[in-house]
Amino acid sequence: MLERAGFIFVRQKGSHIILIKGLIAITVPLHNKDMRKGTLRKIISQTGCTVEEFLKF
């Protein structure tokens, strides 16, 4: 979803990937379990989108 929102994969460090869009950099965990609701909401808020806008992507 982040790539569809215009973020570009930059690198991976361990089990986390870093994506950028302009001056915004977001770190996303890639673990073998479900992402916690609070973590997902924090990532969405860092994009500058609302949850509804993010779900459209």
PDB file of N, CA and C in Angstrom:
ATOM      1  N   MET A   1       0.810  -1.189   0.000  1.00  0.00           N
ATOM      2  CA  MET A   1       0.000   0.000   0.000  1.00  0.00           C
ATOM      3  C   MET A   1       0.858   1.258   0.000  1.00  0.00           C
ATOM      4  N   LEU A   2       1.960   1.216   0.719  1.00  0.00           N
ATOM      5  CA  LEU A   2       2.820   2.398   0.769  1.00  0.00           C
ATOM      6  C   LEU A   2       3.422   2.702  -0.597  1.00  0.00           C
ATOM      7  N   GLU A   3       3.796   1.668  -1.333  1.00  0.00           N
ATOM      8  CA  GLU A   3       4.345   1.902  -2.669  1.00  0.00           C
ATOM      9  C   GLU A   3       3.280   2.461  -3.598  1.00  0.00           C
ATOM     10  N   ARG A   4       2.039   2.011  -3.461  1.00  0.00           N
ATOM     11  CA  ARG A   4       0.948   2.571  -4.260  1.00  0.00           C
ATOM     12  C   ARG A   4       0.662   4.012  -3.862  1.00  0.00           C
ATOM     13  N   ALA A   5       1.012   4.395  -2.636  1.00  0.00           N
ATOM     14  CA  ALA A   5       0.825   5.765  -2.158  1.00  0.00           C
ATOM     15  C   ALA A   5       1.988   6.661  -2.562  1.00  0.00           C
ATOM     16  N   GLY A   6       2.973   6.110  -3.288  1.00  0.00           N
ATOM     17  CA  GLY A   6       4.084   6.915  -3.784  1.00  0.00           C
ATOM     18  C   GLY A   6       5.386   6.763  -3.043  1.00  0.00           C
ATOM     19  N   PHE A   7       5.431   5.889  -2.036  1.00  0.00           N
ATOM     20  CA  PHE A   7       6.670   5.669  -1.300  1.00  0.00           C
ATOM     21  C   PHE A   7       7.561   4.712  -2.071  1.00  0.00           C
ATOM     22  N   ILE A   8       8.867   4.915  -1.976  1.00  0.00           N
ATOM     23  CA  ILE A   8       9.843   4.129  -2.718  1.00  0.00           C
ATOM     24  C   ILE A   8      10.721   3.363  -1.725  1.00  0.00           C
ATOM     25  N   PHE A   9      10.893   2.059  -1.997  1.00  0.00           N
ATOM     26  CA  PHE A   9      11.772   1.218  -1.176  1.00  0.00           C
ATOM     27  C   PHE A   9      13.201   1.718  -1.316  1.00  0.00           C
ATOM     28  N   VAL A  10      13.857   1.970  -0.181  1.00  0.00           N
ATOM     29  CA  VAL A  10      15.237   2.460  -0.195  1.00  0.00           C
ATOM     30  C   VAL A  10      16.206   1.362   0.210  1.00  0.00           C
ATOM     31  N   ARG A  11      15.919   0.717   1.351  1.00  0.00           N
ATOM     32  CA  ARG A  11      16.833  -0.315   1.837  1.00  0.00           C
ATOM     33  C   ARG A  11      16.142  -1.156   2.890  1.00  0.00           C
ATOM     34  N   GLN A  12      16.808  -2.236   3.245  1.00  0.00           N
ATOM     35  CA  GLN A  12      16.330  -3.097   4.317  1.00  0.00           C
ATOM     36  C   GLN A  12      17.457  -3.286   5.300  1.00  0.00           C
ATOM     37  N   LYS A  13      17.121  -3.184   6.570  1.00  0.00           N
ATOM     38  CA  LYS A  13      18.109  -3.402   7.622  1.00  0.00           C
ATOM     39  C   LYS A  13      17.504  -4.402   8.599  1.00  0.00           C
ATOM     40  N   GLY A  14      17.993  -5.613   8.567  1.00  0.00           N
ATOM     41  CA  GLY A  14      17.436  -6.660   9.405  1.00  0.00           C
ATOM     42  C   GLY A  14      16.017  -6.977   8.981  1.00  0.00           C
ATOM     43  N   SER A  15      15.094  -6.915   9.925  1.00  0.00           N
ATOM     44  CA  SER A  15      13.704  -7.233   9.618  1.00  0.00           C
ATOM     45  C   SER A  15      12.858  -5.968   9.449  1.00  0.00           C
ATOM     46  N   HIS A  16      13.481  -4.865   9.053  1.00  0.00           N
ATOM     47  CA  HIS A  16      12.759  -3.620   8.833  1.00  0.00           C
ATOM     48  C   HIS A  16      13.122  -3.061   7.457  1.00  0.00           C
ATOM     49  N   ILE A  17      12.110  -2.493   6.764  1.00  0.00           N
ATOM     50  CA  ILE A  17      12.383  -1.837   5.491  1.00  0.00           C
ATOM     51  C   ILE A  17      12.159  -0.340   5.655  1.00  0.00           C
ATOM     52  N   ILE A  18      12.891   0.431   4.884  1.00  0.00           N
ATOM     53  CA  ILE A  18      12.794   1.878   4.920  1.00  0.00           C
ATOM     54  C   ILE A  18      12.274   2.340   3.567  1.00  0.00           C
ATOM     55  N   LEU A  19      11.201   3.140   3.611  1.00  0.00           N
ATOM     56  CA  LEU A  19      10.601   3.687   2.401  1.00  0.00           C
ATOM     57  C   LEU A  19      10.621   5.204   2.520  1.00  0.00           C
ATOM     58  N   ILE A  20      10.766   5.896   1.378  1.00  0.00           N
ATOM     59  CA  ILE A  20      10.762   7.353   1.407  1.00  0.00           C
ATOM     60  C   ILE A  20       9.807   7.911   0.357  1.00  0.00           C
ATOM     61  N   LYS A  21       9.344   9.115   0.628  1.00  0.00           N
ATOM     62  CA  LYS A  21       8.551   9.902  -0.314  1.00  0.00           C
ATOM     63  C   LYS A  21       8.854  11.351   0.018  1.00  0.00           C
ATOM     64  N   GLY A  22       9.608  11.996  -0.851  1.00  0.00           N
ATOM     65  CA  GLY A  22      10.031  13.366  -0.556  1.00  0.00           C
ATOM     66  C   GLY A  22      10.933  13.376   0.662  1.00  0.00           C
ATOM     67  N   LEU A  23      10.526  14.114   1.681  1.00  0.00           N
ATOM     68  CA  LEU A  23      11.317  14.198   2.911  1.00  0.00           C
ATOM     69  C   LEU A  23      10.819  13.261   4.005  1.00  0.00           C
ATOM     70  N   ILE A  24       9.802  12.468   3.695  1.00  0.00           N
ATOM     71  CA  ILE A  24       9.214  11.551   4.678  1.00  0.00           C
ATOM     72  C   ILE A  24       9.857  10.174   4.541  1.00  0.00           C
ATOM     73  N   ALA A  25      10.421   9.680   5.630  1.00  0.00           N
ATOM     74  CA  ALA A  25      10.989   8.327   5.663  1.00  0.00           C
ATOM     75  C   ALA A  25      10.204   7.511   6.682  1.00  0.00           C
ATOM     76  N   ILE A  26       9.822   6.309   6.285  1.00  0.00           N
ATOM     77  CA  ILE A  26       9.030   5.442   7.151  1.00  0.00           C
ATOM     78  C   ILE A  26       9.722   4.092   7.274  1.00  0.00           C
ATOM     79  N   THR A  27       9.824   3.602   8.502  1.00  0.00           N
ATOM     80  CA  THR A  27      10.377   2.284   8.771  1.00  0.00           C
ATOM     81  C   THR A  27       9.225   1.332   9.047  1.00  0.00           C
ATOM     82  N   VAL A  28       9.221   0.198   8.332  1.00  0.00           N
ATOM     83  CA  VAL A  28       8.145  -0.778   8.463  1.00  0.00           C
ATOM     84  C   VAL A  28       8.742  -2.113   8.899  1.00  0.00           C
ATOM     85  N   PRO A  29       8.242  -2.683  10.013  1.00  0.00           N
ATOM     86  CA  PRO A  29       8.749  -3.980  10.458  1.00  0.00           C
ATOM     87  C   PRO A  29       8.244  -5.109   9.563  1.00  0.00           C
ATOM     88  N   LEU A  30       9.096  -6.085   9.292  1.00  0.00           N
ATOM     89  CA  LEU A  30       8.733  -7.270   8.512  1.00  0.00           C
ATOM     90  C   LEU A  30       8.975  -8.509   9.360  1.00  0.00           C
ATOM     91  N   HIS A  31       8.082  -8.759  10.287  1.00  0.00           N
ATOM     92  CA  HIS A  31       8.201  -9.916  11.154  1.00  0.00           C
ATOM     93  C   HIS A  31       7.239 -11.004  10.679  1.00  0.00           C
ATOM     94  N   ASN A  32       7.379 -12.195  11.196  1.00  0.00           N
ATOM     95  CA  ASN A  32       6.535 -13.318  10.792  1.00  0.00           C
ATOM     96  C   ASN A  32       5.232 -13.392  11.582  1.00  0.00           C
ATOM     97  N   LYS A  33       4.769 -12.285  12.104  1.00  0.00           N
ATOM     98  CA  LYS A  33       3.510 -12.269  12.834  1.00  0.00           C
ATOM     99  C   LYS A  33       2.719 -11.030  12.424  1.00  0.00           C
ATOM    100  N   ASP A  34       1.470 -10.975  12.822  1.00  0.00           N
ATOM    101  CA  ASP A  34       0.619  -9.848  12.474  1.00  0.00           C
ATOM    102  C   ASP A  34       1.137  -8.564  13.109  1.00  0.00           C
ATOM    103  N   MET A  35       0.983  -7.474  12.376  1.00  0.00           N
ATOM    104  CA  MET A  35       1.398  -6.179  12.886  1.00  0.00           C
ATOM    105  C   MET A  35       0.357  -5.690  13.898  1.00  0.00           C
ATOM    106  N   ARG A  36       0.814  -5.112  14.971  1.00  0.00           N
ATOM    107  CA  ARG A  36      -0.094  -4.605  15.990  1.00  0.00           C
ATOM    108  C   ARG A  36      -0.853  -3.398  15.451  1.00  0.00           C
ATOM    109  N   LYS A  37      -2.066  -3.231  15.919  1.00  0.00           N
ATOM    110  CA  LYS A  37      -2.943  -2.162  15.443  1.00  0.00           C
ATOM    111  C   LYS A  37      -2.310  -0.783  15.663  1.00  0.00           C
ATOM    112  N   GLY A  38      -1.686  -0.583  16.813  1.00  0.00           N
ATOM    113  CA  GLY A  38      -1.053   0.703  17.120  1.00  0.00           C
ATOM    114  C   GLY A  38       0.119   0.996  16.201  1.00  0.00           C
ATOM    115  N   THR A  39       0.888  -0.035  15.861  1.00  0.00           N
ATOM    116  CA  THR A  39       2.020   0.129  14.949  1.00  0.00           C
ATOM    117  C   THR A  39       1.531   0.544  13.569  1.00  0.00           C
ATOM    118  N   LEU A  40       0.478  -0.111  13.095  1.00  0.00           N
ATOM    119  CA  LEU A  40      -0.077   0.233  11.788  1.00  0.00           C
ATOM    120  C   LEU A  40      -0.617   1.657  11.776  1.00  0.00           C
ATOM    121  N   ARG A  41      -1.314   2.044  12.815  1.00  0.00           N
ATOM    122  CA  ARG A  41      -1.847   3.414  12.889  1.00  0.00           C
ATOM    123  C   ARG A  41      -0.718   4.440  12.913  1.00  0.00           C
ATOM    124  N   LYS A  42       0.381   4.148  13.584  1.00  0.00           N
ATOM    125  CA  LYS A  42       1.530   5.060  13.630  1.00  0.00           C
ATOM    126  C   LYS A  42       2.155   5.210  12.244  1.00  0.00           C
ATOM    127  N   ILE A  43       2.285   4.101  11.516  1.00  0.00           N
ATOM    128  CA  ILE A  43       2.828   4.149  10.160  1.00  0.00           C
ATOM    129  C   ILE A  43       1.915   4.982   9.269  1.00  0.00           C
ATOM    130  N   ILE A  44       0.610   4.776   9.391  1.00  0.00           N
ATOM    131  CA  ILE A  44      -0.342   5.544   8.575  1.00  0.00           C
ATOM    132  C   ILE A  44      -0.261   7.025   8.917  1.00  0.00           C
ATOM    133  N   SER A  45      -0.151   7.370  10.186  1.00  0.00           N
ATOM    134  CA  SER A  45      -0.075   8.786  10.562  1.00  0.00           C
ATOM    135  C   SER A  45       1.218   9.427  10.049  1.00  0.00           C
ATOM    136  N   GLN A  46       2.303   8.662   9.957  1.00  0.00           N
ATOM    137  CA  GLN A  46       3.557   9.191   9.432  1.00  0.00           C
ATOM    138  C   GLN A  46       3.460   9.513   7.951  1.00  0.00           C
ATOM    139  N   THR A  47       2.542   8.866   7.236  1.00  0.00           N
ATOM    140  CA  THR A  47       2.369   9.147   5.813  1.00  0.00           C
ATOM    141  C   THR A  47       1.676  10.475   5.580  1.00  0.00           C
ATOM    142  N   GLY A  48       0.970  10.979   6.593  1.00  0.00           N
ATOM    143  CA  GLY A  48       0.218  12.215   6.442  1.00  0.00           C
ATOM    144  C   GLY A  48      -1.194  11.971   5.941  1.00  0.00           C
ATOM    145  N   CYS A  49      -1.600  10.717   5.833  1.00  0.00           N
ATOM    146  CA  CYS A  49      -2.941  10.349   5.369  1.00  0.00           C
ATOM    147  C   CYS A  49      -3.804   9.964   6.563  1.00  0.00           C
ATOM    148  N   THR A  50      -5.109   9.995   6.354  1.00  0.00           N
ATOM    149  CA  THR A  50      -6.017   9.429   7.334  1.00  0.00           C
ATOM    150  C   THR A  50      -6.123   7.935   7.050  1.00  0.00           C
ATOM    151  N   VAL A  51      -6.719   7.199   7.961  1.00  0.00           N
ATOM    152  CA  VAL A  51      -6.889   5.758   7.768  1.00  0.00           C
ATOM    153  C   VAL A  51      -7.740   5.498   6.531  1.00  0.00           C
ATOM    154  N   GLU A  52      -8.800   6.279   6.349  1.00  0.00           N
ATOM    155  CA  GLU A  52      -9.680   6.106   5.192  1.00  0.00           C
ATOM    156  C   GLU A  52      -8.933   6.367   3.884  1.00  0.00           C
ATOM    157  N   GLU A  53      -8.122   7.435   3.845  1.00  0.00           N
ATOM    158  CA  GLU A  53      -7.347   7.737   2.639  1.00  0.00           C
ATOM    159  C   GLU A  53      -6.339   6.617   2.349  1.00  0.00           C
ATOM    160  N   PHE A  54      -5.721   6.110   3.409  1.00  0.00           N
ATOM    161  CA  PHE A  54      -4.718   5.059   3.251  1.00  0.00           C
ATOM    162  C   PHE A  54      -5.342   3.792   2.710  1.00  0.00           C
ATOM    163  N   LEU A  55      -6.547   3.463   3.181  1.00  0.00           N
ATOM    164  CA  LEU A  55      -7.210   2.235   2.733  1.00  0.00           C
ATOM    165  C   LEU A  55      -7.614   2.304   1.257  1.00  0.00           C
ATOM    166  N   LYS A  56      -7.746   3.499   0.696  1.00  0.00           N
ATOM    167  CA  LYS A  56      -8.083   3.637  -0.725  1.00  0.00           C
ATOM    168  C   LYS A  56      -6.942   3.144  -1.617  1.00  0.00           C
ATOM    169  N   PHE A  57      -5.718   3.203  -1.097  1.00  0.00           N
ATOM    170  CA  PHE A  57      -4.566   2.735  -1.880  1.00  0.00           C
ATOM    171  C   PHE A  57      -4.542   1.233  -1.885  1.00  0.00           C
TER     172      PHE A  57
END
